[in-house]
């Protein structure tokens, strides 16, 4: 078990590549940096270290990222990546739409570009 994933979450995440053919897969988990706008939305997990999902950082793109790397990141004052405990699973299209709105300055973060 990791600091970001409890046993229940680990058991509920789909295995890597299982939603490859799904047109609009579900996003199950949201991880974020409390000191920047970087956010990782998890669709699948290999059960060990590798996630697949949507990354909202410099760009908004689908890709792979690792639990070990996320857990090693430290921000100002020792801040660490956090899990959004209030995030509810939703289709990728809804997550992408929300992230795009935020990037345009209409989302809850209220940032404008």
C-alpha atoms as a PDB file:
ATOM      1  CA  UNK A   1       0.000   0.000   0.000  1.00  0.00           C
ATOM      2  CA  UNK A   2       1.143   3.522  -0.679  1.00  0.00           C
ATOM      3  CA  UNK A   3       0.453   6.884   0.864  1.00  0.00           C
ATOM      4  CA  UNK A   4      -1.730   7.820  -2.146  1.00  0.00           C
ATOM      5  CA  UNK A   5      -3.547   4.515  -2.644  1.00  0.00           C
ATOM      6  CA  UNK A   6      -5.360   2.528   0.002  1.00  0.00           C
ATOM      7  CA  UNK A   7      -6.139  -1.178  -0.449  1.00  0.00           C
ATOM      8  CA  UNK A   8      -9.739  -0.532  -1.514  1.00  0.00           C
ATOM      9  CA  UNK A   9      -8.632   1.868  -4.259  1.00  0.00           C
ATOM     10  CA  UNK A  10      -5.916  -0.527  -5.427  1.00  0.00           C
ATOM     11  CA  UNK A  11      -8.499  -3.282  -5.820  1.00  0.00           C
ATOM     12  CA  UNK A  12     -10.946  -1.052  -7.693  1.00  0.00           C
ATOM     13  CA  UNK A  13      -8.603   0.371 -10.358  1.00  0.00           C
ATOM     14  CA  UNK A  14      -8.846  -1.371 -13.745  1.00  0.00           C
ATOM     15  CA  UNK A  15      -5.721  -3.180 -14.915  1.00  0.00           C
ATOM     16  CA  UNK A  16      -3.476  -1.501 -17.462  1.00  0.00           C
ATOM     17  CA  UNK A  17      -4.781  -1.814 -21.060  1.00  0.00           C
ATOM     18  CA  UNK A  18      -8.238  -3.119 -20.060  1.00  0.00           C
ATOM     19  CA  UNK A  19     -10.047  -0.023 -21.303  1.00  0.00           C
ATOM     20  CA  UNK A  20      -7.961   0.357 -24.459  1.00  0.00           C
ATOM     21  CA  UNK A  21     -10.973  -0.303 -26.681  1.00  0.00           C
ATOM     22  CA  UNK A  22     -13.414   1.748 -24.572  1.00  0.00           C
ATOM     23  CA  UNK A  23     -14.367   4.969 -26.358  1.00  0.00           C
ATOM     24  CA  UNK A  24     -14.913   6.997 -23.182  1.00  0.00           C
ATOM     25  CA  UNK A  25     -13.217   5.187 -20.270  1.00  0.00           C
ATOM     26  CA  UNK A  26     -13.871   6.022 -16.648  1.00  0.00           C
ATOM     27  CA  UNK A  27     -11.455   8.124 -14.627  1.00  0.00           C
ATOM     28  CA  UNK A  28     -11.225   6.659 -11.131  1.00  0.00           C
ATOM     29  CA  UNK A  29      -8.750   8.788  -9.226  1.00  0.00           C
ATOM     30  CA  UNK A  30      -7.458  12.362  -9.130  1.00  0.00           C
ATOM     31  CA  UNK A  31      -3.984  13.243  -7.835  1.00  0.00           C
ATOM     32  CA  UNK A  32      -2.678  16.800  -7.725  1.00  0.00           C
ATOM     33  CA  UNK A  33       0.060  19.143  -6.563  1.00  0.00           C
ATOM     34  CA  UNK A  34      -1.273  21.629  -3.992  1.00  0.00           C
ATOM     35  CA  UNK A  35       1.419  24.156  -5.002  1.00  0.00           C
ATOM     36  CA  UNK A  36       0.940  24.108  -8.814  1.00  0.00           C
ATOM     37  CA  UNK A  37      -1.791  23.377 -11.347  1.00  0.00           C
ATOM     38  CA  UNK A  38      -0.504  19.883 -12.224  1.00  0.00           C
ATOM     39  CA  UNK A  39      -3.135  17.145 -11.959  1.00  0.00           C
ATOM     40  CA  UNK A  40      -3.099  13.432 -12.833  1.00  0.00           C
ATOM     41  CA  UNK A  41      -6.369  11.607 -13.565  1.00  0.00           C
ATOM     42  CA  UNK A  42      -6.040   7.820 -13.298  1.00  0.00           C
ATOM     43  CA  UNK A  43      -7.842   5.510 -15.722  1.00  0.00           C
ATOM     44  CA  UNK A  44      -5.802   2.304 -15.256  1.00  0.00           C
ATOM     45  CA  UNK A  45      -3.045   0.911 -13.032  1.00  0.00           C
ATOM     46  CA  UNK A  46      -0.673  -2.023 -13.495  1.00  0.00           C
ATOM     47  CA  UNK A  47      -1.071  -2.965  -9.824  1.00  0.00           C
ATOM     48  CA  UNK A  48       2.529  -2.089  -9.059  1.00  0.00           C
ATOM     49  CA  UNK A  49       3.768   1.313 -10.255  1.00  0.00           C
ATOM     50  CA  UNK A  50       2.490   2.397 -13.685  1.00  0.00           C
ATOM     51  CA  UNK A  51      -0.666   4.429 -14.243  1.00  0.00           C
ATOM     52  CA  UNK A  52      -2.351   5.419 -17.482  1.00  0.00           C
ATOM     53  CA  UNK A  53      -4.517   8.499 -17.534  1.00  0.00           C
ATOM     54  CA  UNK A  54      -4.948  12.148 -18.346  1.00  0.00           C
ATOM     55  CA  UNK A  55      -2.192  14.520 -17.267  1.00  0.00           C
ATOM     56  CA  UNK A  56      -3.015  18.207 -16.905  1.00  0.00           C
ATOM     57  CA  UNK A  57       0.374  19.919 -16.731  1.00  0.00           C
ATOM     58  CA  UNK A  58       2.159  21.932 -19.398  1.00  0.00           C
ATOM     59  CA  UNK A  59      -0.253  20.274 -21.834  1.00  0.00           C
ATOM     60  CA  UNK A  60      -3.431  18.271 -21.452  1.00  0.00           C
ATOM     61  CA  UNK A  61      -2.564  14.786 -22.679  1.00  0.00           C
ATOM     62  CA  UNK A  62      -3.097  11.084 -22.166  1.00  0.00           C
ATOM     63  CA  UNK A  63      -0.058   9.157 -21.049  1.00  0.00           C
ATOM     64  CA  UNK A  64       1.736   6.957 -18.562  1.00  0.00           C
ATOM     65  CA  UNK A  65       3.093   8.076 -15.181  1.00  0.00           C
ATOM     66  CA  UNK A  66       4.393   6.233 -12.164  1.00  0.00           C
ATOM     67  CA  UNK A  67       3.338   6.066  -8.554  1.00  0.00           C
ATOM     68  CA  UNK A  68       6.967   6.001  -7.422  1.00  0.00           C
ATOM     69  CA  UNK A  69       7.712   9.258  -9.227  1.00  0.00           C
ATOM     70  CA  UNK A  70       4.590  10.976  -7.894  1.00  0.00           C
ATOM     71  CA  UNK A  71       5.435   9.878  -4.359  1.00  0.00           C
ATOM     72  CA  UNK A  72       9.002  11.182  -4.680  1.00  0.00           C
ATOM     73  CA  UNK A  73       8.009  14.730  -5.683  1.00  0.00           C
ATOM     74  CA  UNK A  74       8.395  17.413  -3.022  1.00  0.00           C
ATOM     75  CA  UNK A  75       7.206  20.982  -3.254  1.00  0.00           C
ATOM     76  CA  UNK A  76       7.769  24.064  -1.123  1.00  0.00           C
ATOM     77  CA  UNK A  77       7.949  23.275   2.577  1.00  0.00           C
ATOM     78  CA  UNK A  78       7.969  19.539   1.845  1.00  0.00           C
ATOM     79  CA  UNK A  79       4.486  19.504   0.298  1.00  0.00           C
ATOM     80  CA  UNK A  80       3.651  16.291  -1.531  1.00  0.00           C
ATOM     81  CA  UNK A  81       1.275  15.096  -4.220  1.00  0.00           C
ATOM     82  CA  UNK A  82      -2.206  14.663  -2.756  1.00  0.00           C
ATOM     83  CA  UNK A  83      -5.235  12.580  -3.594  1.00  0.00           C
ATOM     84  CA  UNK A  84      -8.563  14.333  -4.071  1.00  0.00           C
ATOM     85  CA  UNK A  85     -10.678  12.417  -1.558  1.00  0.00           C
ATOM     86  CA  UNK A  86     -13.863  14.026  -2.909  1.00  0.00           C
ATOM     87  CA  UNK A  87     -13.323  13.072  -6.554  1.00  0.00           C
ATOM     88  CA  UNK A  88     -16.030  10.790  -7.922  1.00  0.00           C
ATOM     89  CA  UNK A  89     -15.391   8.517 -10.898  1.00  0.00           C
ATOM     90  CA  UNK A  90     -16.597   9.973 -14.180  1.00  0.00           C
ATOM     91  CA  UNK A  91     -16.048   9.497 -17.911  1.00  0.00           C
ATOM     92  CA  UNK A  92     -12.837  10.805 -19.424  1.00  0.00           C
ATOM     93  CA  UNK A  93     -14.828  13.159 -21.665  1.00  0.00           C
ATOM     94  CA  UNK A  94     -16.264  14.934 -18.595  1.00  0.00           C
ATOM     95  CA  UNK A  95     -12.850  15.211 -16.928  1.00  0.00           C
ATOM     96  CA  UNK A  96     -11.248  16.504 -20.127  1.00  0.00           C
ATOM     97  CA  UNK A  97     -14.038  19.059 -20.610  1.00  0.00           C
ATOM     98  CA  UNK A  98     -13.609  20.317 -17.035  1.00  0.00           C
ATOM     99  CA  UNK A  99      -9.836  20.568 -17.415  1.00  0.00           C
ATOM    100  CA  UNK A 100     -10.180  22.457 -20.702  1.00  0.00           C
ATOM    101  CA  UNK A 101     -12.645  24.896 -19.131  1.00  0.00           C
ATOM    102  CA  UNK A 102     -10.228  25.476 -16.254  1.00  0.00           C
ATOM    103  CA  UNK A 103      -7.395  26.103 -18.704  1.00  0.00           C
ATOM    104  CA  UNK A 104      -9.560  28.757 -20.413  1.00  0.00           C
ATOM    105  CA  UNK A 105     -10.159  30.451 -17.046  1.00  0.00           C
ATOM    106  CA  UNK A 106     -13.718  29.264 -16.404  1.00  0.00           C
ATOM    107  CA  UNK A 107     -13.027  26.508 -13.917  1.00  0.00           C
ATOM    108  CA  UNK A 108     -12.865  26.285 -10.134  1.00  0.00           C
ATOM    109  CA  UNK A 109      -9.189  27.245 -10.013  1.00  0.00           C
ATOM    110  CA  UNK A 110     -10.125  30.549 -11.613  1.00  0.00           C
ATOM    111  CA  UNK A 111      -6.868  30.886 -13.449  1.00  0.00           C
ATOM    112  CA  UNK A 112      -6.799  32.512 -16.830  1.00  0.00           C
ATOM    113  CA  UNK A 113      -4.353  31.989 -19.652  1.00  0.00           C
END
